[in-house]
């Protein structure tokens, strides 16, 4: 931690990133690589046209979804001049941040990709909303519930739900998707732990948890 003046707030530095920044050419480090879940990948190209996506992330959990959206951008841009562009199934990206300008990472790129029709970004902030927006504060699962009609409409069309982030966020995402399923189906027994596990087996609900 860097020295701070009296009366100022502590400056928190990322452990991994600052360790890497301190390394010199020739230094060695030990790392371990864990494979992601087998189903944590995009549908094949043809499936991209028919399978909607619901992507749920907070913080660094956004990383794999940047690749997902970039692949969709590439598919949309692949048509030769004069050819009809590919029509991809919808993709919703739910992204939890603390505050605008603090950890709303890749905001410019996401705005550009959203304008191309590659994704629809649904943000929520836990500490400070954009000035004048009137948005309620909360976590990514709260935004999922707020937009539950959109989520369920895509689920009914065969959507895959991907969740990436901390264990706590992943658990919150699971519980909220199960709650939405139970409310939208209007039947008891639909939703809950058993229902989520069945969707995992069918690879319609896939998680990548990193803690």
Protein backbone atom coordinates (compact mmCIF):
# COMPACT_ATOMS: atom_id res chain seq x y z
CA UNK A 1 0.00 0.00 0.00
CA UNK A 2 1.34 3.42 -0.91
CA UNK A 3 1.94 6.04 1.84
CA UNK A 4 -1.01 8.35 2.41
CA UNK A 5 -1.22 11.81 3.88
CA UNK A 6 -2.91 12.38 7.22
CA UNK A 7 -6.65 12.70 6.87
CA UNK A 8 -6.74 11.20 3.36
CA UNK A 9 -8.42 7.96 2.44
CA UNK A 10 -6.41 4.80 2.06
CA UNK A 11 -5.38 3.97 -1.46
CA UNK A 12 -6.10 0.34 -2.25
CA UNK A 13 -3.93 -1.32 -4.87
CA UNK A 14 -4.74 -4.54 -6.66
CA UNK A 15 -2.64 -7.40 -5.28
CA UNK A 16 -2.13 -9.37 -8.50
CA UNK A 17 -1.80 -6.47 -10.91
CA UNK A 18 0.71 -4.59 -8.74
CA UNK A 19 2.75 -7.73 -8.15
CA UNK A 20 2.94 -8.28 -11.91
CA UNK A 21 3.85 -4.62 -12.46
CA UNK A 22 6.80 -5.04 -10.07
CA UNK A 23 8.35 -7.91 -12.03
CA UNK A 24 11.39 -7.47 -14.22
CA UNK A 25 12.37 -9.20 -17.43
CA UNK A 26 13.58 -12.70 -16.61
CA UNK A 27 11.66 -13.05 -13.34
CA UNK A 28 9.76 -16.30 -12.81
CA UNK A 29 6.33 -16.75 -11.27
CA UNK A 30 4.21 -19.77 -10.39
CA UNK A 31 0.63 -19.85 -11.67
CA UNK A 32 -2.11 -22.44 -11.92
CA UNK A 33 -4.66 -22.58 -14.70
CA UNK A 34 -8.10 -23.95 -14.01
CA UNK A 35 -10.31 -25.02 -16.92
CA UNK A 36 -13.72 -23.40 -17.16
CA UNK A 37 -16.94 -25.41 -17.16
CA UNK A 38 -17.31 -27.54 -20.29
CA UNK A 39 -20.47 -25.73 -21.33
CA UNK A 40 -19.05 -22.24 -20.86
CA UNK A 41 -18.71 -21.40 -24.53
CA UNK A 42 -20.81 -19.82 -27.24
CA UNK A 43 -23.16 -21.93 -29.33
CA UNK A 44 -21.76 -22.77 -32.79
CA UNK A 45 -22.26 -20.16 -35.52
CA UNK A 46 -25.59 -21.57 -36.64
CA UNK A 47 -26.72 -21.77 -33.02
CA UNK A 48 -25.82 -18.09 -32.58
CA UNK A 49 -28.64 -17.28 -34.97
CA UNK A 50 -31.22 -19.21 -32.95
CA UNK A 51 -30.02 -19.34 -29.31
CA UNK A 52 -30.49 -16.15 -27.25
CA UNK A 53 -27.90 -15.39 -24.58
CA UNK A 54 -28.29 -14.00 -21.07
CA UNK A 55 -24.87 -13.02 -19.69
CA UNK A 56 -24.55 -12.14 -15.99
CA UNK A 57 -21.37 -10.66 -14.51
CA UNK A 58 -19.89 -8.26 -12.00
CA UNK A 59 -16.39 -6.80 -11.95
CA UNK A 60 -13.74 -9.03 -13.52
CA UNK A 61 -16.46 -11.54 -14.38
CA UNK A 62 -17.06 -9.42 -17.46
CA UNK A 63 -13.86 -10.74 -19.09
CA UNK A 64 -15.19 -13.85 -20.90
CA UNK A 65 -18.28 -12.01 -22.05
CA UNK A 66 -16.16 -9.41 -23.81
CA UNK A 67 -14.92 -12.28 -25.96
CA UNK A 68 -18.48 -13.53 -26.48
CA UNK A 69 -19.65 -10.14 -27.66
CA UNK A 70 -16.58 -9.61 -29.86
CA UNK A 71 -17.35 -12.91 -31.59
CA UNK A 72 -20.88 -11.70 -32.24
CA UNK A 73 -19.51 -8.43 -33.62
CA UNK A 74 -17.24 -10.40 -35.96
CA UNK A 75 -20.18 -12.48 -37.20
CA UNK A 76 -22.26 -9.36 -37.79
CA UNK A 77 -19.38 -7.77 -39.71
CA UNK A 78 -18.53 -10.83 -41.80
CA UNK A 79 -20.97 -10.19 -44.62
CA UNK A 80 -19.40 -9.09 -47.89
CA UNK A 81 -20.50 -5.71 -49.35
CA UNK A 82 -23.99 -6.07 -50.71
CA UNK A 83 -24.68 -9.31 -48.83
CA UNK A 84 -27.32 -9.50 -46.14
CA UNK A 85 -25.89 -9.36 -42.61
CA UNK A 86 -26.34 -12.30 -40.29
CA UNK A 87 -29.34 -12.10 -37.99
CA UNK A 88 -28.19 -13.18 -34.55
CA UNK A 89 -30.43 -14.15 -31.67
CA UNK A 90 -30.66 -11.46 -28.95
CA UNK A 91 -28.04 -11.19 -26.21
CA UNK A 92 -28.57 -9.45 -22.86
CA UNK A 93 -25.55 -8.54 -20.73
CA UNK A 94 -26.29 -7.83 -17.06
CA UNK A 95 -23.31 -6.10 -15.48
CA UNK A 96 -22.96 -5.04 -11.85
CA UNK A 97 -20.71 -2.06 -11.02
CA UNK A 98 -20.02 0.05 -7.95
CA UNK A 99 -20.21 3.51 -9.54
CA UNK A 100 -19.97 5.21 -12.94
CA UNK A 101 -16.39 6.06 -13.80
CA UNK A 102 -15.07 3.73 -11.11
CA UNK A 103 -15.44 0.19 -12.40
CA UNK A 104 -17.80 0.50 -15.36
CA UNK A 105 -15.05 -1.04 -17.45
CA UNK A 106 -15.09 -1.17 -21.26
CA UNK A 107 -18.03 1.22 -21.30
CA UNK A 108 -17.03 2.80 -24.62
CA UNK A 109 -16.47 -0.53 -26.38
CA UNK A 110 -19.74 -1.94 -25.04
CA UNK A 111 -21.58 1.16 -26.26
CA UNK A 112 -20.14 0.66 -29.74
CA UNK A 113 -21.03 -3.03 -29.81
CA UNK A 114 -24.50 -2.25 -28.52
CA UNK A 115 -24.98 0.22 -31.38
CA UNK A 116 -24.06 -2.58 -33.82
CA UNK A 117 -26.79 -4.79 -32.34
CA UNK A 118 -24.37 -7.35 -30.89
CA UNK A 119 -25.63 -6.99 -27.31
CA UNK A 120 -28.01 -5.11 -25.05
CA UNK A 121 -26.25 -3.95 -21.86
CA UNK A 122 -28.21 -3.77 -18.60
CA UNK A 123 -26.11 -2.17 -15.84
CA UNK A 124 -26.79 -1.69 -12.16
CA UNK A 125 -24.69 0.21 -9.60
CA UNK A 126 -24.32 -0.71 -5.95
CA UNK A 127 -22.92 2.56 -4.52
CA UNK A 128 -23.69 5.48 -6.84
CA UNK A 129 -25.97 5.68 -9.87
CA UNK A 130 -25.31 7.98 -12.84
CA UNK A 131 -26.13 11.56 -11.89
CA UNK A 132 -29.73 12.45 -12.60
CA UNK A 133 -30.66 8.92 -13.69
CA UNK A 134 -32.84 8.13 -10.70
CA UNK A 135 -31.74 4.49 -10.95
CA UNK A 136 -32.10 2.37 -7.84
CA UNK A 137 -28.92 0.97 -6.34
CA UNK A 138 -28.49 -2.78 -6.10
CA UNK A 139 -26.66 -5.82 -7.37
CA UNK A 140 -26.72 -7.66 -10.64
CA UNK A 141 -29.38 -10.12 -9.47
CA UNK A 142 -31.63 -7.14 -8.67
CA UNK A 143 -31.30 -5.94 -12.26
CA UNK A 144 -32.11 -9.46 -13.45
CA UNK A 145 -35.35 -9.33 -11.48
CA UNK A 146 -36.16 -5.83 -12.69
CA UNK A 147 -35.88 -7.08 -16.28
CA UNK A 148 -37.38 -10.48 -15.57
CA UNK A 149 -39.93 -10.23 -18.39
CA UNK A 150 -37.14 -9.78 -20.93
CA UNK A 151 -35.13 -12.60 -19.35
CA UNK A 152 -38.05 -15.00 -19.35
CA UNK A 153 -39.04 -14.12 -22.91
CA UNK A 154 -35.57 -15.17 -24.07
CA UNK A 155 -35.58 -18.25 -21.84
CA UNK A 156 -38.85 -19.34 -23.48
CA UNK A 157 -37.04 -19.11 -26.83
CA UNK A 158 -34.28 -21.46 -25.69
CA UNK A 159 -31.79 -18.98 -24.20
CA UNK A 160 -28.62 -20.05 -22.43
CA UNK A 161 -27.76 -18.25 -19.20
CA UNK A 162 -24.08 -17.72 -18.35
CA UNK A 163 -22.92 -16.42 -14.97
CA UNK A 164 -19.31 -15.38 -14.27
CA UNK A 165 -17.93 -13.87 -11.09
CA UNK A 166 -17.50 -14.54 -7.40
CA UNK A 167 -19.15 -17.42 -5.59
CA UNK A 168 -21.53 -15.06 -3.81
CA UNK A 169 -22.57 -13.39 -7.05
CA UNK A 170 -22.98 -16.74 -8.73
CA UNK A 171 -25.23 -17.99 -5.95
CA UNK A 172 -27.29 -14.80 -6.16
CA UNK A 173 -27.66 -15.24 -9.92
CA UNK A 174 -28.80 -18.84 -9.53
CA UNK A 175 -31.37 -17.97 -6.90
CA UNK A 176 -32.76 -15.10 -8.93
CA UNK A 177 -33.10 -17.10 -12.16
CA UNK A 178 -34.87 -19.83 -10.18
CA UNK A 179 -37.18 -17.22 -8.63
CA UNK A 180 -37.99 -15.75 -12.03
CA UNK A 181 -38.75 -19.23 -13.39
CA UNK A 182 -41.10 -20.03 -10.54
CA UNK A 183 -42.94 -16.70 -10.79
CA UNK A 184 -43.23 -16.73 -14.57
CA UNK A 185 -44.30 -20.38 -14.76
CA UNK A 186 -46.84 -19.81 -12.03
CA UNK A 187 -46.26 -23.30 -10.66
CA UNK A 188 -44.72 -24.41 -7.40
CA UNK A 189 -41.83 -26.79 -7.86
CA UNK A 190 -40.58 -24.93 -10.93
CA UNK A 191 -37.48 -23.13 -9.82
CA UNK A 192 -35.31 -23.76 -6.80
CA UNK A 193 -32.11 -25.75 -6.42
CA UNK A 194 -33.31 -28.91 -8.15
CA UNK A 195 -34.56 -26.97 -11.16
CA UNK A 196 -31.29 -25.05 -11.49
CA UNK A 197 -29.28 -28.28 -11.30
CA UNK A 198 -31.36 -29.78 -14.10
CA UNK A 199 -30.71 -26.72 -16.26
CA UNK A 200 -26.98 -27.05 -15.54
CA UNK A 201 -27.03 -30.65 -16.71
CA UNK A 202 -28.69 -29.53 -19.94
CA UNK A 203 -26.10 -26.71 -20.23
CA UNK A 204 -28.77 -24.05 -20.36
CA UNK A 205 -27.43 -22.51 -17.14
CA UNK A 206 -23.63 -22.40 -16.98
CA UNK A 207 -21.37 -20.78 -14.38
CA UNK A 208 -17.69 -19.88 -14.18
CA UNK A 209 -16.88 -19.09 -10.55
CA UNK A 210 -13.38 -17.89 -9.69
CA UNK A 211 -13.11 -17.92 -5.89
